[in-house]
Amino acid sequence: MKTLDIIAAVLLVIGGLNWGLVGAADFDVVATLFGGGSAWSKLIYSLVGISALYQALQWKAIQQRWLAAPAGA
């Protein structure tokens, strides 16, 4: 599950940076790279949204896994 936690966190950082650029500079990196409204863009937006939902629903469990993990794991 720790791998899934990391993947979700990376997708949330990507989504957060993208939305930051949309808000600050009206520049959507995902749409620029994959085309606005393309299947790839929709997939990436969906994965970011699913990651956010996963993180929100698993917050306490994720904290416990990370606190219980041995150093260097």
C-alpha atoms as a PDB file:
ATOM      1  CA  MET A   1       0.000   0.000   0.000  1.00  0.00           C
ATOM      2  CA  LYS A   2       2.914   2.332   0.574  1.00  0.00           C
ATOM      3  CA  THR A   3       3.613   2.312  -3.181  1.00  0.00           C
ATOM      4  CA  LEU A   4       0.010   3.318  -3.867  1.00  0.00           C
ATOM      5  CA  ASP A   5       0.382   6.117  -1.294  1.00  0.00           C
ATOM      6  CA  ILE A   6       3.447   7.430  -3.132  1.00  0.00           C
ATOM      7  CA  ILE A   7       1.784   7.221  -6.561  1.00  0.00           C
ATOM      8  CA  ALA A   8      -1.247   9.088  -5.224  1.00  0.00           C
ATOM      9  CA  ALA A   9       0.986  11.737  -3.642  1.00  0.00           C
ATOM     10  CA  VAL A  10       2.931  12.252  -6.888  1.00  0.00           C
ATOM     11  CA  LEU A  11      -0.301  12.609  -8.875  1.00  0.00           C
ATOM     12  CA  LEU A  12      -1.589  15.137  -6.332  1.00  0.00           C
ATOM     13  CA  VAL A  13       1.599  17.183  -6.625  1.00  0.00           C
ATOM     14  CA  ILE A  14       1.277  17.147 -10.427  1.00  0.00           C
ATOM     15  CA  GLY A  15      -2.373  18.184 -10.154  1.00  0.00           C
ATOM     16  CA  GLY A  16      -1.603  20.864  -7.593  1.00  0.00           C
ATOM     17  CA  LEU A  17       1.183  22.366  -9.693  1.00  0.00           C
ATOM     18  CA  ASN A  18      -1.030  22.282 -12.767  1.00  0.00           C
ATOM     19  CA  TRP A  19      -3.894  24.054 -10.958  1.00  0.00           C
ATOM     20  CA  GLY A  20      -1.419  26.566  -9.518  1.00  0.00           C
ATOM     21  CA  LEU A  21      -0.278  27.417 -13.029  1.00  0.00           C
ATOM     22  CA  VAL A  22      -3.882  27.629 -14.221  1.00  0.00           C
ATOM     23  CA  GLY A  23      -4.681  30.065 -11.423  1.00  0.00           C
ATOM     24  CA  ALA A  24      -1.512  32.144 -11.625  1.00  0.00           C
ATOM     25  CA  ALA A  25      -0.795  32.200 -15.347  1.00  0.00           C
ATOM     26  CA  ASP A  26      -3.880  30.725 -17.065  1.00  0.00           C
ATOM     27  CA  PHE A  27      -1.615  27.921 -18.342  1.00  0.00           C
ATOM     28  CA  ASP A  28      -2.803  24.291 -18.241  1.00  0.00           C
ATOM     29  CA  VAL A  29       0.248  22.045 -18.619  1.00  0.00           C
ATOM     30  CA  VAL A  30      -1.793  18.847 -19.034  1.00  0.00           C
ATOM     31  CA  ALA A  31      -3.926  20.351 -21.804  1.00  0.00           C
ATOM     32  CA  THR A  32      -0.821  21.767 -23.477  1.00  0.00           C
ATOM     33  CA  LEU A  33       1.016  18.437 -23.424  1.00  0.00           C
ATOM     34  CA  PHE A  34      -1.875  16.124 -24.255  1.00  0.00           C
ATOM     35  CA  GLY A  35      -4.468  18.364 -25.891  1.00  0.00           C
ATOM     36  CA  GLY A  36      -7.430  19.992 -24.204  1.00  0.00           C
ATOM     37  CA  GLY A  37     -10.284  17.518 -23.861  1.00  0.00           C
ATOM     38  CA  SER A  38      -8.272  14.595 -25.271  1.00  0.00           C
ATOM     39  CA  ALA A  39      -8.629  11.103 -23.856  1.00  0.00           C
ATOM     40  CA  TRP A  40      -5.142  11.371 -22.326  1.00  0.00           C
ATOM     41  CA  SER A  41      -5.959  14.655 -20.597  1.00  0.00           C
ATOM     42  CA  LYS A  42      -9.199  13.212 -19.250  1.00  0.00           C
ATOM     43  CA  LEU A  43      -7.307  10.161 -18.002  1.00  0.00           C
ATOM     44  CA  ILE A  44      -4.740  12.294 -16.181  1.00  0.00           C
ATOM     45  CA  TYR A  45      -7.409  14.558 -14.653  1.00  0.00           C
ATOM     46  CA  SER A  46      -9.349  11.456 -13.576  1.00  0.00           C
ATOM     47  CA  LEU A  47      -6.275   9.850 -11.999  1.00  0.00           C
ATOM     48  CA  VAL A  48      -5.535  13.055 -10.077  1.00  0.00           C
ATOM     49  CA  GLY A  49      -9.135  13.158  -8.858  1.00  0.00           C
ATOM     50  CA  ILE A  50      -9.083   9.502  -7.844  1.00  0.00           C
ATOM     51  CA  SER A  51      -5.802  10.120  -6.020  1.00  0.00           C
ATOM     52  CA  ALA A  52      -7.359  12.984  -4.093  1.00  0.00           C
ATOM     53  CA  LEU A  53     -10.331  10.828  -3.127  1.00  0.00           C
ATOM     54  CA  TYR A  54      -7.999   7.987  -2.085  1.00  0.00           C
ATOM     55  CA  GLN A  55      -5.895  10.325   0.050  1.00  0.00           C
ATOM     56  CA  ALA A  56      -8.965  11.870   1.672  1.00  0.00           C
ATOM     57  CA  LEU A  57     -10.542   8.514   2.526  1.00  0.00           C
ATOM     58  CA  GLN A  58      -7.298   6.879   3.670  1.00  0.00           C
ATOM     59  CA  TRP A  59      -5.717   9.767   5.568  1.00  0.00           C
ATOM     60  CA  LYS A  60      -5.617   8.114   9.016  1.00  0.00           C
ATOM     61  CA  ALA A  61      -4.587   4.718   7.652  1.00  0.00           C
ATOM     62  CA  ILE A  62      -1.785   6.311   5.618  1.00  0.00           C
ATOM     63  CA  GLN A  63      -0.495   8.148   8.688  1.00  0.00           C
ATOM     64  CA  GLN A  64      -0.455   4.913  10.692  1.00  0.00           C
ATOM     65  CA  ARG A  65       1.389   3.004   7.943  1.00  0.00           C
ATOM     66  CA  TRP A  66       4.034   5.688   7.657  1.00  0.00           C
ATOM     67  CA  LEU A  67       4.485   6.030  11.416  1.00  0.00           C
ATOM     68  CA  ALA A  68       4.778   2.267  11.839  1.00  0.00           C
ATOM     69  CA  ALA A  69       7.251   1.771   8.980  1.00  0.00           C
ATOM     70  CA  PRO A  70      10.843   1.041  10.046  1.00  0.00           C
ATOM     71  CA  ALA A  71      13.463   3.641   9.151  1.00  0.00           C
ATOM     72  CA  GLY A  72      14.774   3.258   5.622  1.00  0.00           C
ATOM     73  CA  ALA A  73      11.748   1.293   4.432  1.00  0.00           C
END
